[in-house]
Amino acid sequence: MLKVIRTAVIAGMMVFLAGCQNGSTGSSGGVDPRLANNQDVEFFNKSGWQACAGGAVIGALACAVSNSSNKAVCMAAAAIAGCGVGMGANAYLDNQRKKYASKELQLNATIKDVEAENKRIQNATSVAKSVIDSDKKTLAQIEKDMAANTVKKDAVQKQIKGVDANIAYLRGTITDMKKHEKQWQDVSADMSKSGSDTQNLDSEIALMRDKIGSLQGELDSLYTQRTALKVG
């Protein structure tokens, strides 16, 4: 009976993880390749869940055919390894407790994970800002060319479409960054309730919030410039 239940759990998780992979809205048509092909940007974008869930499925399959005494736990750990807190605060905390024997070790490992995500955000922001700067220059040139009546409407619309695609893509990326930040807040709150001193962890989360806010400001500036441009 236990074997049947365990098999059902394994199968259910594999279907869930595969569904995450196949159900992703991973299209990046029209998006600047600097964004679409950057791993750090992708990590915080829904399309990035393809790689995340794909890795989890591979890990789950390895667990399913392994000699692990608890295949369900093994599969959960495989998912966390690929997705981190993106799999959810509760799943992340459960995995940390299984990996580390003491609260201190759990806290230190969590701080390192947040630091790693902050580095990802920093790298993603650097790439995003370069694209935003390029789009601002594109919009400024379009405005100048339109005023001089030296550009064709089709060409303008094609350029505008690219800018709009980048804006939409970065909006989704920032939304997922904010979700990560919220999940880290949940992790910190749980650890604090358990008696851990989360001051350093909270400082890293605050830094994450500032970095995301900075990128949001850059994107808002581009959007303001874009909406001010009227294409007939």
Protein backbone atom coordinates (compact mmCIF):
# COMPACT_ATOMS: atom_id res chain seq x y z
CA MET A 1 0.00 0.00 0.00
CA LEU A 2 2.77 2.43 0.96
CA LYS A 3 4.56 1.61 -2.27
CA VAL A 4 1.44 2.46 -4.27
CA ILE A 5 1.00 5.77 -2.44
CA ARG A 6 4.65 6.63 -2.92
CA THR A 7 4.44 5.86 -6.62
CA ALA A 8 1.36 8.06 -6.92
CA VAL A 9 3.13 10.93 -5.18
CA ILE A 10 6.11 10.59 -7.50
CA ALA A 11 3.91 10.48 -10.57
CA GLY A 12 1.89 13.45 -9.38
CA MET A 13 4.96 15.58 -8.80
CA MET A 14 6.38 14.65 -12.19
CA VAL A 15 3.13 15.67 -13.89
CA PHE A 16 3.07 18.92 -11.92
CA LEU A 17 6.66 19.77 -12.79
CA ALA A 18 6.20 18.83 -16.42
CA GLY A 19 3.09 20.99 -16.50
CA CYS A 20 5.08 23.93 -15.19
CA GLN A 21 7.52 23.40 -18.01
CA ASN A 22 5.03 22.92 -20.83
CA GLY A 23 2.61 25.57 -19.59
CA SER A 24 5.16 28.35 -19.54
CA THR A 25 4.52 31.41 -21.62
CA GLY A 26 8.07 31.31 -22.86
CA SER A 27 7.69 33.24 -26.08
CA SER A 28 10.07 36.14 -26.42
CA GLY A 29 9.16 37.24 -29.95
CA GLY A 30 10.35 40.76 -30.69
CA VAL A 31 12.21 41.11 -27.41
CA ASP A 32 15.79 42.38 -27.52
CA PRO A 33 18.15 39.36 -27.52
CA ARG A 34 20.15 40.96 -24.73
CA LEU A 35 17.13 40.36 -22.52
CA ALA A 36 15.77 37.14 -23.98
CA ASN A 37 19.15 35.36 -23.98
CA ASN A 38 20.44 36.51 -20.59
CA GLN A 39 20.31 33.83 -17.89
CA ASP A 40 20.01 36.28 -15.02
CA VAL A 41 17.12 38.10 -16.65
CA GLU A 42 15.46 34.79 -17.50
CA PHE A 43 15.76 33.59 -13.90
CA PHE A 44 13.27 36.29 -12.93
CA ASN A 45 10.97 35.89 -15.90
CA LYS A 46 8.12 33.46 -16.43
CA SER A 47 9.83 32.09 -19.52
CA GLY A 48 12.73 31.19 -17.24
CA TRP A 49 10.53 28.64 -15.50
CA GLN A 50 10.97 26.39 -18.53
CA ALA A 51 14.60 25.81 -17.60
CA CYS A 52 13.77 25.68 -13.91
CA ALA A 53 10.95 23.17 -14.24
CA GLY A 54 12.90 21.24 -16.87
CA GLY A 55 15.77 20.79 -14.46
CA ALA A 56 13.35 19.74 -11.76
CA VAL A 57 11.80 17.12 -14.03
CA ILE A 58 15.23 15.69 -14.81
CA GLY A 59 16.04 15.62 -11.10
CA ALA A 60 12.68 14.02 -10.36
CA LEU A 61 13.26 11.28 -12.91
CA ALA A 62 16.67 10.60 -11.39
CA CYS A 63 15.06 10.29 -7.97
CA ALA A 64 12.31 8.04 -9.29
CA VAL A 65 14.79 5.47 -10.57
CA SER A 66 17.24 5.86 -7.69
CA ASN A 67 17.57 3.84 -4.50
CA SER A 68 16.59 6.84 -2.37
CA SER A 69 14.58 5.75 0.67
CA ASN A 70 12.28 8.74 0.28
CA LYS A 71 11.78 9.50 -3.38
CA ALA A 72 9.21 12.26 -2.81
CA VAL A 73 11.64 14.18 -0.60
CA CYS A 74 14.38 13.61 -3.15
CA MET A 75 12.18 15.03 -5.90
CA ALA A 76 11.24 18.09 -3.86
CA ALA A 77 14.94 18.75 -3.20
CA ALA A 78 15.65 18.45 -6.92
CA ALA A 79 13.04 21.11 -7.65
CA ILE A 80 14.37 23.47 -4.99
CA ALA A 81 17.90 23.05 -6.30
CA GLY A 82 16.80 24.42 -9.66
CA CYS A 83 14.27 27.03 -8.59
CA GLY A 84 15.18 28.10 -5.05
CA VAL A 85 12.62 30.29 -3.32
CA GLY A 86 10.78 30.51 -6.64
CA MET A 87 9.15 27.19 -5.74
CA GLY A 88 7.57 28.91 -2.73
CA ALA A 89 8.65 29.96 0.75
CA ASN A 90 7.27 26.85 2.47
CA ALA A 91 8.95 24.45 0.06
CA TYR A 92 12.21 26.36 0.41
CA LEU A 93 12.06 26.30 4.23
CA ASP A 94 11.25 22.59 4.31
CA ASN A 95 14.23 21.88 2.12
CA GLN A 96 16.54 24.04 4.24
CA ARG A 97 15.48 22.17 7.37
CA LYS A 98 16.20 18.85 5.70
CA LYS A 99 19.63 19.99 4.48
CA TYR A 100 20.90 21.77 7.59
CA ALA A 101 20.77 20.46 11.14
CA SER A 102 20.74 23.78 13.01
CA LYS A 103 18.88 27.06 12.71
CA GLU A 104 22.18 28.89 12.42
CA LEU A 105 23.24 26.84 9.41
CA GLN A 106 19.82 27.29 7.84
CA LEU A 107 20.01 31.06 8.32
CA ASN A 108 23.56 31.36 6.96
CA ALA A 109 22.66 29.30 3.89
CA THR A 110 19.56 31.41 3.30
CA ILE A 111 21.56 34.64 3.51
CA LYS A 112 23.94 33.26 0.88
CA ASP A 113 20.99 32.38 -1.35
CA VAL A 114 19.60 35.91 -1.10
CA GLU A 115 23.05 37.34 -1.79
CA ALA A 116 23.22 35.15 -4.90
CA GLU A 117 19.83 36.45 -6.08
CA ASN A 118 20.96 40.02 -5.45
CA LYS A 119 23.91 39.39 -7.75
CA ARG A 120 21.52 38.04 -10.36
CA ILE A 121 19.35 41.14 -10.01
CA GLN A 122 22.41 43.38 -10.31
CA ASN A 123 23.50 41.62 -13.49
CA ALA A 124 19.95 41.58 -14.89
CA THR A 125 19.56 45.28 -14.10
CA SER A 126 22.81 46.11 -15.89
CA VAL A 127 21.59 44.35 -19.04
CA ALA A 128 18.11 45.82 -18.77
CA LYS A 129 19.43 49.35 -18.37
CA SER A 130 21.55 49.00 -21.50
CA VAL A 131 18.43 47.94 -23.43
CA ILE A 132 16.38 50.76 -21.89
CA ASP A 133 19.04 53.29 -22.86
CA SER A 134 19.03 51.97 -26.42
CA ASP A 135 15.23 52.18 -26.57
CA LYS A 136 15.28 55.76 -25.26
CA LYS A 137 17.69 56.72 -28.03
CA THR A 138 15.48 54.94 -30.57
CA LEU A 139 12.41 56.85 -29.41
CA ALA A 140 14.29 60.16 -29.46
CA GLN A 141 15.47 59.51 -33.02
CA ILE A 142 11.97 58.53 -34.12
CA GLU A 143 10.59 61.74 -32.69
CA LYS A 144 13.25 63.75 -34.52
CA ASP A 145 12.67 61.92 -37.80
CA MET A 146 8.90 62.30 -37.55
CA ALA A 147 9.28 66.02 -36.98
CA ALA A 148 11.43 66.25 -40.09
CA ASN A 149 9.09 63.91 -41.98
CA THR A 150 12.04 61.75 -43.02
CA VAL A 151 10.82 58.33 -41.91
CA LYS A 152 8.24 55.88 -43.23
CA LYS A 153 5.32 54.89 -41.03
CA ASP A 154 5.97 51.15 -41.42
CA ALA A 155 9.56 51.54 -40.26
CA VAL A 156 8.46 53.57 -37.23
CA GLN A 157 5.82 51.05 -36.25
CA LYS A 158 8.34 48.23 -36.44
CA GLN A 159 10.73 50.06 -34.12
CA ILE A 160 7.92 50.97 -31.74
CA LYS A 161 6.81 47.35 -31.65
CA GLY A 162 10.28 46.33 -30.48
CA VAL A 163 10.29 48.95 -27.73
CA ASP A 164 6.83 47.87 -26.58
CA ALA A 165 7.94 44.22 -26.51
CA ASN A 166 10.89 45.12 -24.30
CA ILE A 167 8.69 47.12 -21.94
CA ALA A 168 6.20 44.26 -21.59
CA TYR A 169 8.98 41.74 -21.06
CA LEU A 170 10.69 43.82 -18.38
CA ARG A 171 7.38 44.43 -16.64
CA GLY A 172 6.92 40.68 -16.32
CA THR A 173 10.50 40.27 -15.13
CA ILE A 174 10.10 42.93 -12.44
CA THR A 175 6.80 41.41 -11.32
CA ASP A 176 8.55 38.08 -10.77
CA MET A 177 11.45 39.79 -9.00
CA LYS A 178 8.95 41.31 -6.60
CA LYS A 179 7.40 37.88 -6.04
CA HIS A 180 10.81 36.54 -5.09
CA GLU A 181 11.35 39.43 -2.70
CA LYS A 182 7.96 38.75 -1.05
CA GLN A 183 8.81 35.07 -0.68
CA TRP A 184 12.13 35.95 0.93
CA GLN A 185 10.23 38.17 3.35
CA ASP A 186 8.02 35.18 4.21
CA VAL A 187 11.10 33.02 4.75
CA SER A 188 12.62 35.64 7.05
CA ALA A 189 9.39 36.03 9.03
CA ASP A 190 9.19 32.27 9.58
CA MET A 191 12.81 32.08 10.69
CA SER A 192 12.31 35.02 13.03
CA LYS A 193 9.31 33.31 14.63
CA SER A 194 11.51 30.25 15.15
CA GLY A 195 13.99 32.33 17.15
CA SER A 196 16.61 33.17 14.50
CA ASP A 197 18.21 36.61 14.37
CA THR A 198 17.30 37.67 10.84
CA GLN A 199 18.83 41.15 10.88
CA ASN A 200 21.48 40.36 8.25
CA LEU A 201 18.95 38.45 6.17
CA ASP A 202 16.52 41.35 6.30
CA SER A 203 19.30 43.73 5.22
CA GLU A 204 19.93 41.62 2.12
CA ILE A 205 16.20 41.53 1.36
CA ALA A 206 16.03 45.32 1.74
CA LEU A 207 18.93 45.61 -0.70
CA MET A 208 17.00 43.41 -3.11
CA ARG A 209 13.97 45.68 -2.78
CA ASP A 210 16.12 48.74 -3.55
CA LYS A 211 17.65 47.11 -6.62
CA ILE A 212 14.22 46.15 -7.95
CA GLY A 213 12.95 49.66 -7.27
CA SER A 214 15.85 51.14 -9.20
CA LEU A 215 15.06 48.98 -12.23
CA GLN A 216 11.36 49.84 -11.93
CA GLY A 217 12.27 53.53 -12.03
CA GLU A 218 14.31 53.05 -15.20
CA LEU A 219 11.46 51.20 -16.88
CA ASP A 220 8.90 53.80 -15.80
CA SER A 221 11.07 56.50 -17.38
CA LEU A 222 11.15 54.59 -20.68
CA TYR A 223 7.38 54.03 -20.56
CA THR A 224 6.77 57.75 -19.99
CA GLN A 225 8.89 58.59 -23.04
CA ARG A 226 7.12 55.92 -25.08
CA THR A 227 3.60 57.09 -24.23
CA ALA A 228 4.55 60.68 -25.03
CA LEU A 229 5.40 59.64 -28.59
CA LYS A 230 2.28 59.78 -30.77
CA VAL A 231 2.49 57.73 -33.92
CA GLY A 232 -0.31 58.44 -36.37
